[in-house]
Amino acid sequence: MQTIHERLTLLLRAYRTIGFCDACLALKMGAFPREVQKAVIVIGDSSGFQIIPGKCSECLQEQMVVRALAA
């Protein structure tokens, strides 16, 4: 079974360049928001992902969003 970190990575790469807030990612993944927040912090420190202020593509709220960078 995949970890939350692996699932998050796959989802963000599938929606490359589209930003999501933690809450919407949790809903999309069927995961707990706290788990997603922790995973976002981990991948935000790695190359290929970016955490920036912006508009979430799901809820359309201005907040911090995470996205995979274009390859």
PDB file of N, CA and C in Angstrom:
ATOM      1  N   MET A   1       0.839  -1.182   0.000  1.00  0.00           N
ATOM      2  CA  MET A   1       0.000   0.000   0.000  1.00  0.00           C
ATOM      3  C   MET A   1       0.888   1.251   0.000  1.00  0.00           C
ATOM      4  N   GLN A   2       0.486   2.247  -0.746  1.00  0.00           N
ATOM      5  CA  GLN A   2       1.259   3.473  -0.861  1.00  0.00           C
ATOM      6  C   GLN A   2       1.101   4.345   0.379  1.00  0.00           C
ATOM      7  N   THR A   3       2.178   5.047   0.704  1.00  0.00           N
ATOM      8  CA  THR A   3       2.119   5.995   1.811  1.00  0.00           C
ATOM      9  C   THR A   3       1.395   7.260   1.351  1.00  0.00           C
ATOM     10  N   ILE A   4       1.004   8.077   2.285  1.00  0.00           N
ATOM     11  CA  ILE A   4       0.335   9.341   1.970  1.00  0.00           C
ATOM     12  C   ILE A   4       1.269  10.225   1.143  1.00  0.00           C
ATOM     13  N   HIS A   5       2.549  10.184   1.449  1.00  0.00           N
ATOM     14  CA  HIS A   5       3.542  10.966   0.715  1.00  0.00           C
ATOM     15  C   HIS A   5       3.596  10.518  -0.748  1.00  0.00           C
ATOM     16  N   GLU A   6       3.606   9.228  -0.994  1.00  0.00           N
ATOM     17  CA  GLU A   6       3.639   8.701  -2.366  1.00  0.00           C
ATOM     18  C   GLU A   6       2.360   9.045  -3.127  1.00  0.00           C
ATOM     19  N   ARG A   7       1.220   8.907  -2.464  1.00  0.00           N
ATOM     20  CA  ARG A   7      -0.058   9.229  -3.105  1.00  0.00           C
ATOM     21  C   ARG A   7      -0.137  10.715  -3.460  1.00  0.00           C
ATOM     22  N   LEU A   8       0.331  11.555  -2.558  1.00  0.00           N
ATOM     23  CA  LEU A   8       0.323  12.998  -2.790  1.00  0.00           C
ATOM     24  C   LEU A   8       1.231  13.354  -3.966  1.00  0.00           C
ATOM     25  N   THR A   9       2.397  12.761  -4.010  1.00  0.00           N
ATOM     26  CA  THR A   9       3.331  13.005  -5.100  1.00  0.00           C
ATOM     27  C   THR A   9       2.722  12.625  -6.442  1.00  0.00           C
ATOM     28  N   LEU A  10       2.101  11.469  -6.515  1.00  0.00           N
ATOM     29  CA  LEU A  10       1.469  11.014  -7.760  1.00  0.00           C
ATOM     30  C   LEU A  10       0.337  11.950  -8.181  1.00  0.00           C
ATOM     31  N   LEU A  11      -0.493  12.356  -7.232  1.00  0.00           N
ATOM     32  CA  LEU A  11      -1.605  13.236  -7.553  1.00  0.00           C
ATOM     33  C   LEU A  11      -1.119  14.585  -8.072  1.00  0.00           C
ATOM     34  N   LEU A  12      -0.141  15.177  -7.400  1.00  0.00           N
ATOM     35  CA  LEU A  12       0.357  16.480  -7.829  1.00  0.00           C
ATOM     36  C   LEU A  12       1.040  16.410  -9.190  1.00  0.00           C
ATOM     37  N   ARG A  13       1.738  15.333  -9.454  1.00  0.00           N
ATOM     38  CA  ARG A  13       2.380  15.183 -10.764  1.00  0.00           C
ATOM     39  C   ARG A  13       1.344  14.966 -11.865  1.00  0.00           C
ATOM     40  N   ALA A  14       0.243  14.313 -11.543  1.00  0.00           N
ATOM     41  CA  ALA A  14      -0.825  14.116 -12.529  1.00  0.00           C
ATOM     42  C   ALA A  14      -1.479  15.447 -12.889  1.00  0.00           C
ATOM     43  N   TYR A  15      -1.567  16.359 -11.930  1.00  0.00           N
ATOM     44  CA  TYR A  15      -2.160  17.680 -12.143  1.00  0.00           C
ATOM     45  C   TYR A  15      -1.072  18.747 -12.183  1.00  0.00           C
ATOM     46  N   ARG A  16       0.018  18.453 -12.829  1.00  0.00           N
ATOM     47  CA  ARG A  16       1.188  19.328 -12.878  1.00  0.00           C
ATOM     48  C   ARG A  16       0.814  20.783 -13.131  1.00  0.00           C
ATOM     49  N   THR A  17       1.417  21.670 -12.415  1.00  0.00           N
ATOM     50  CA  THR A  17       1.281  23.133 -12.472  1.00  0.00           C
ATOM     51  C   THR A  17      -0.044  23.656 -11.910  1.00  0.00           C
ATOM     52  N   ILE A  18      -0.920  22.784 -11.440  1.00  0.00           N
ATOM     53  CA  ILE A  18      -2.189  23.210 -10.847  1.00  0.00           C
ATOM     54  C   ILE A  18      -2.034  23.189  -9.334  1.00  0.00           C
ATOM     55  N   GLY A  19      -2.388  24.283  -8.666  1.00  0.00           N
ATOM     56  CA  GLY A  19      -2.211  24.409  -7.224  1.00  0.00           C
ATOM     57  C   GLY A  19      -3.425  23.961  -6.434  1.00  0.00           C
ATOM     58  N   PHE A  20      -3.177  23.301  -5.307  1.00  0.00           N
ATOM     59  CA  PHE A  20      -4.221  22.818  -4.413  1.00  0.00           C
ATOM     60  C   PHE A  20      -3.881  23.196  -2.980  1.00  0.00           C
ATOM     61  N   CYS A  21      -4.898  23.564  -2.205  1.00  0.00           N
ATOM     62  CA  CYS A  21      -4.695  23.786  -0.773  1.00  0.00           C
ATOM     63  C   CYS A  21      -4.714  22.428  -0.054  1.00  0.00           C
ATOM     64  N   ASP A  22      -4.251  22.409   1.173  1.00  0.00           N
ATOM     65  CA  ASP A  22      -4.187  21.162   1.954  1.00  0.00           C
ATOM     66  C   ASP A  22      -5.558  20.513   2.113  1.00  0.00           C
ATOM     67  N   ALA A  23      -6.571  21.322   2.405  1.00  0.00           N
ATOM     68  CA  ALA A  23      -7.914  20.781   2.654  1.00  0.00           C
ATOM     69  C   ALA A  23      -8.478  20.111   1.407  1.00  0.00           C
ATOM     70  N   CYS A  24      -8.313  20.732   0.258  1.00  0.00           N
ATOM     71  CA  CYS A  24      -8.832  20.145  -0.981  1.00  0.00           C
ATOM     72  C   CYS A  24      -8.047  18.897  -1.381  1.00  0.00           C
ATOM     73  N   LEU A  25      -6.749  18.902  -1.122  1.00  0.00           N
ATOM     74  CA  LEU A  25      -5.959  17.690  -1.380  1.00  0.00           C
ATOM     75  C   LEU A  25      -6.453  16.543  -0.505  1.00  0.00           C
ATOM     76  N   ALA A  26      -6.729  16.838   0.755  1.00  0.00           N
ATOM     77  CA  ALA A  26      -7.230  15.803   1.671  1.00  0.00           C
ATOM     78  C   ALA A  26      -8.549  15.231   1.154  1.00  0.00           C
ATOM     79  N   LEU A  27      -9.453  16.087   0.698  1.00  0.00           N
ATOM     80  CA  LEU A  27     -10.728  15.616   0.150  1.00  0.00           C
ATOM     81  C   LEU A  27     -10.508  14.767  -1.102  1.00  0.00           C
ATOM     82  N   LYS A  28      -9.647  15.223  -1.998  1.00  0.00           N
ATOM     83  CA  LYS A  28      -9.369  14.501  -3.242  1.00  0.00           C
ATOM     84  C   LYS A  28      -8.769  13.132  -2.964  1.00  0.00           C
ATOM     85  N   MET A  29      -7.951  13.043  -1.933  1.00  0.00           N
ATOM     86  CA  MET A  29      -7.238  11.802  -1.627  1.00  0.00           C
ATOM     87  C   MET A  29      -7.990  10.907  -0.646  1.00  0.00           C
ATOM     88  N   GLY A  30      -9.023  11.423  -0.011  1.00  0.00           N
ATOM     89  CA  GLY A  30      -9.709  10.648   1.014  1.00  0.00           C
ATOM     90  C   GLY A  30      -8.827  10.433   2.229  1.00  0.00           C
ATOM     91  N   ALA A  31      -8.074  11.473   2.573  1.00  0.00           N
ATOM     92  CA  ALA A  31      -7.122  11.387   3.687  1.00  0.00           C
ATOM     93  C   ALA A  31      -7.480  12.433   4.744  1.00  0.00           C
ATOM     94  N   PHE A  32      -6.858  12.313   5.887  1.00  0.00           N
ATOM     95  CA  PHE A  32      -7.044  13.287   6.952  1.00  0.00           C
ATOM     96  C   PHE A  32      -6.232  14.547   6.634  1.00  0.00           C
ATOM     97  N   PRO A  33      -6.802  15.722   6.867  1.00  0.00           N
ATOM     98  CA  PRO A  33      -6.082  16.970   6.567  1.00  0.00           C
ATOM     99  C   PRO A  33      -4.708  17.064   7.237  1.00  0.00           C
ATOM    100  N   ARG A  34      -4.593  16.605   8.475  1.00  0.00           N
ATOM    101  CA  ARG A  34      -3.314  16.677   9.196  1.00  0.00           C
ATOM    102  C   ARG A  34      -2.242  15.833   8.483  1.00  0.00           C
ATOM    103  N   GLU A  35      -2.620  14.660   7.978  1.00  0.00           N
ATOM    104  CA  GLU A  35      -1.674  13.811   7.247  1.00  0.00           C
ATOM    105  C   GLU A  35      -1.189  14.511   5.984  1.00  0.00           C
ATOM    106  N   VAL A  36      -2.109  15.143   5.280  1.00  0.00           N
ATOM    107  CA  VAL A  36      -1.762  15.840   4.044  1.00  0.00           C
ATOM    108  C   VAL A  36      -0.865  17.030   4.347  1.00  0.00           C
ATOM    109  N   GLN A  37      -1.162  17.772   5.406  1.00  0.00           N
ATOM    110  CA  GLN A  37      -0.328  18.921   5.779  1.00  0.00           C
ATOM    111  C   GLN A  37       1.113  18.495   6.021  1.00  0.00           C
ATOM    112  N   LYS A  38       1.292  17.399   6.738  1.00  0.00           N
ATOM    113  CA  LYS A  38       2.645  16.900   7.022  1.00  0.00           C
ATOM    114  C   LYS A  38       3.344  16.466   5.744  1.00  0.00           C
ATOM    115  N   ALA A  39       2.628  15.769   4.858  1.00  0.00           N
ATOM    116  CA  ALA A  39       3.210  15.318   3.597  1.00  0.00           C
ATOM    117  C   ALA A  39       3.566  16.497   2.698  1.00  0.00           C
ATOM    118  N   VAL A  40       2.741  17.537   2.696  1.00  0.00           N
ATOM    119  CA  VAL A  40       3.008  18.735   1.885  1.00  0.00           C
ATOM    120  C   VAL A  40       4.293  19.407   2.357  1.00  0.00           C
ATOM    121  N   ILE A  41       4.497  19.475   3.649  1.00  0.00           N
ATOM    122  CA  ILE A  41       5.720  20.079   4.187  1.00  0.00           C
ATOM    123  C   ILE A  41       6.941  19.300   3.721  1.00  0.00           C
ATOM    124  N   VAL A  42       6.842  17.983   3.732  1.00  0.00           N
ATOM    125  CA  VAL A  42       7.971  17.145   3.312  1.00  0.00           C
ATOM    126  C   VAL A  42       8.270  17.352   1.823  1.00  0.00           C
ATOM    127  N   ILE A  43       7.247  17.288   0.969  1.00  0.00           N
ATOM    128  CA  ILE A  43       7.523  17.432  -0.462  1.00  0.00           C
ATOM    129  C   ILE A  43       7.820  18.875  -0.847  1.00  0.00           C
ATOM    130  N   GLY A  44       7.355  19.824  -0.058  1.00  0.00           N
ATOM    131  CA  GLY A  44       7.656  21.230  -0.332  1.00  0.00           C
ATOM    132  C   GLY A  44       9.135  21.538  -0.211  1.00  0.00           C
ATOM    133  N   ASP A  45       9.839  20.750   0.565  1.00  0.00           N
ATOM    134  CA  ASP A  45      11.279  20.924   0.736  1.00  0.00           C
ATOM    135  C   ASP A  45      12.083  20.240  -0.369  1.00  0.00           C
ATOM    136  N   SER A  46      11.413  19.418  -1.186  1.00  0.00           N
ATOM    137  CA  SER A  46      12.120  18.706  -2.245  1.00  0.00           C
ATOM    138  C   SER A  46      11.986  19.454  -3.564  1.00  0.00           C
ATOM    139  N   SER A  47      12.892  19.165  -4.471  1.00  0.00           N
ATOM    140  CA  SER A  47      12.817  19.819  -5.776  1.00  0.00           C
ATOM    141  C   SER A  47      11.676  19.208  -6.579  1.00  0.00           C
ATOM    142  N   GLY A  48      11.121  19.991  -7.467  1.00  0.00           N
ATOM    143  CA  GLY A  48      10.024  19.514  -8.295  1.00  0.00           C
ATOM    144  C   GLY A  48       8.654  19.907  -7.786  1.00  0.00           C
ATOM    145  N   PHE A  49       8.601  20.474  -6.572  1.00  0.00           N
ATOM    146  CA  PHE A  49       7.334  20.918  -5.994  1.00  0.00           C
ATOM    147  C   PHE A  49       7.509  22.321  -5.430  1.00  0.00           C
ATOM    148  N   GLN A  50       6.413  23.029  -5.335  1.00  0.00           N
ATOM    149  CA  GLN A  50       6.468  24.403  -4.871  1.00  0.00           C
ATOM    150  C   GLN A  50       5.255  24.697  -3.998  1.00  0.00           C
ATOM    151  N   ILE A  51       5.499  25.354  -2.868  1.00  0.00           N
ATOM    152  CA  ILE A  51       4.422  25.844  -2.009  1.00  0.00           C
ATOM    153  C   ILE A  51       4.451  27.362  -2.114  1.00  0.00           C
ATOM    154  N   ILE A  52       3.338  27.932  -2.590  1.00  0.00           N
ATOM    155  CA  ILE A  52       3.283  29.362  -2.848  1.00  0.00           C
ATOM    156  C   ILE A  52       1.909  29.914  -2.460  1.00  0.00           C
ATOM    157  N   PRO A  53       1.822  31.222  -2.201  1.00  0.00           N
ATOM    158  CA  PRO A  53       0.497  31.814  -2.036  1.00  0.00           C
ATOM    159  C   PRO A  53      -0.195  31.836  -3.403  1.00  0.00           C
ATOM    160  N   GLY A  54      -1.457  31.467  -3.429  1.00  0.00           N
ATOM    161  CA  GLY A  54      -2.189  31.464  -4.691  1.00  0.00           C
ATOM    162  C   GLY A  54      -3.617  31.020  -4.494  1.00  0.00           C
ATOM    163  N   LYS A  55      -4.304  30.820  -5.599  1.00  0.00           N
ATOM    164  CA  LYS A  55      -5.701  30.404  -5.564  1.00  0.00           C
ATOM    165  C   LYS A  55      -5.773  28.896  -5.768  1.00  0.00           C
ATOM    166  N   CYS A  56      -6.455  28.209  -4.866  1.00  0.00           N
ATOM    167  CA  CYS A  56      -6.661  26.769  -4.984  1.00  0.00           C
ATOM    168  C   CYS A  56      -7.562  26.504  -6.188  1.00  0.00           C
ATOM    169  N   SER A  57      -7.209  25.538  -6.994  1.00  0.00           N
ATOM    170  CA  SER A  57      -7.990  25.242  -8.195  1.00  0.00           C
ATOM    171  C   SER A  57      -9.322  24.566  -7.880  1.00  0.00           C
ATOM    172  N   GLU A  58      -9.483  24.057  -6.670  1.00  0.00           N
ATOM    173  CA  GLU A  58     -10.724  23.377  -6.287  1.00  0.00           C
ATOM    174  C   GLU A  58     -11.700  24.321  -5.582  1.00  0.00           C
ATOM    175  N   CYS A  59     -11.265  24.924  -4.477  1.00  0.00           N
ATOM    176  CA  CYS A  59     -12.169  25.770  -3.686  1.00  0.00           C
ATOM    177  C   CYS A  59     -12.113  27.244  -4.089  1.00  0.00           C
ATOM    178  N   LEU A  60     -11.132  27.589  -4.916  1.00  0.00           N
ATOM    179  CA  LEU A  60     -10.954  28.948  -5.439  1.00  0.00           C
ATOM    180  C   LEU A  60     -10.650  29.988  -4.364  1.00  0.00           C
ATOM    181  N   GLN A  61     -10.172  29.550  -3.206  1.00  0.00           N
ATOM    182  CA  GLN A  61      -9.794  30.450  -2.118  1.00  0.00           C
ATOM    183  C   GLN A  61      -8.321  30.828  -2.253  1.00  0.00           C
ATOM    184  N   GLU A  62      -8.003  32.079  -1.927  1.00  0.00           N
ATOM    185  CA  GLU A  62      -6.618  32.538  -1.909  1.00  0.00           C
ATOM    186  C   GLU A  62      -5.972  32.055  -0.618  1.00  0.00           C
ATOM    187  N   GLN A  63      -4.956  31.217  -0.753  1.00  0.00           N
ATOM    188  CA  GLN A  63      -4.224  30.681   0.390  1.00  0.00           C
ATOM    189  C   GLN A  63      -2.950  30.020  -0.093  1.00  0.00           C
ATOM    190  N   MET A  64      -2.246  29.353   0.790  1.00  0.00           N
ATOM    191  CA  MET A  64      -1.044  28.642   0.380  1.00  0.00           C
ATOM    192  C   MET A  64      -1.473  27.396  -0.399  1.00  0.00           C
ATOM    193  N   VAL A  65      -0.844  27.210  -1.566  1.00  0.00           N
ATOM    194  CA  VAL A  65      -1.129  26.042  -2.398  1.00  0.00           C
ATOM    195  C   VAL A  65       0.163  25.337  -2.726  1.00  0.00           C
ATOM    196  N   VAL A  66       0.043  24.057  -3.029  1.00  0.00           N
ATOM    197  CA  VAL A  66       1.192  23.257  -3.440  1.00  0.00           C
ATOM    198  C   VAL A  66       0.944  22.792  -4.864  1.00  0.00           C
ATOM    199  N   ARG A  67       2.021  22.719  -5.639  1.00  0.00           N
ATOM    200  CA  ARG A  67       1.907  22.236  -7.010  1.00  0.00           C
ATOM    201  C   ARG A  67       3.207  21.593  -7.435  1.00  0.00           C
ATOM    202  N   ALA A  68       3.099  20.707  -8.411  1.00  0.00           N
ATOM    203  CA  ALA A  68       4.283  20.130  -9.025  1.00  0.00           C
ATOM    204  C   ALA A  68       4.729  21.069 -10.128  1.00  0.00           C
ATOM    205  N   LEU A  69       6.017  21.271 -10.242  1.00  0.00           N
ATOM    206  CA  LEU A  69       6.557  22.132 -11.287  1.00  0.00           C
ATOM    207  C   LEU A  69       6.586  21.380 -12.606  1.00  0.00           C
ATOM    208  N   ALA A  70       6.468  22.104 -13.697  1.00  0.00           N
ATOM    209  CA  ALA A  70       6.529  21.491 -15.023  1.00  0.00           C
ATOM    210  C   ALA A  70       7.926  20.907 -15.240  1.00  0.00           C
ATOM    211  N   ALA A  71       7.964  19.775 -15.884  1.00  0.00           N
ATOM    212  CA  ALA A  71       9.270  19.115 -16.133  1.00  0.00           C
ATOM    213  C   ALA A  71       9.920  19.623 -17.377  1.00  0.00           C
TER     214      ALA A  71
END
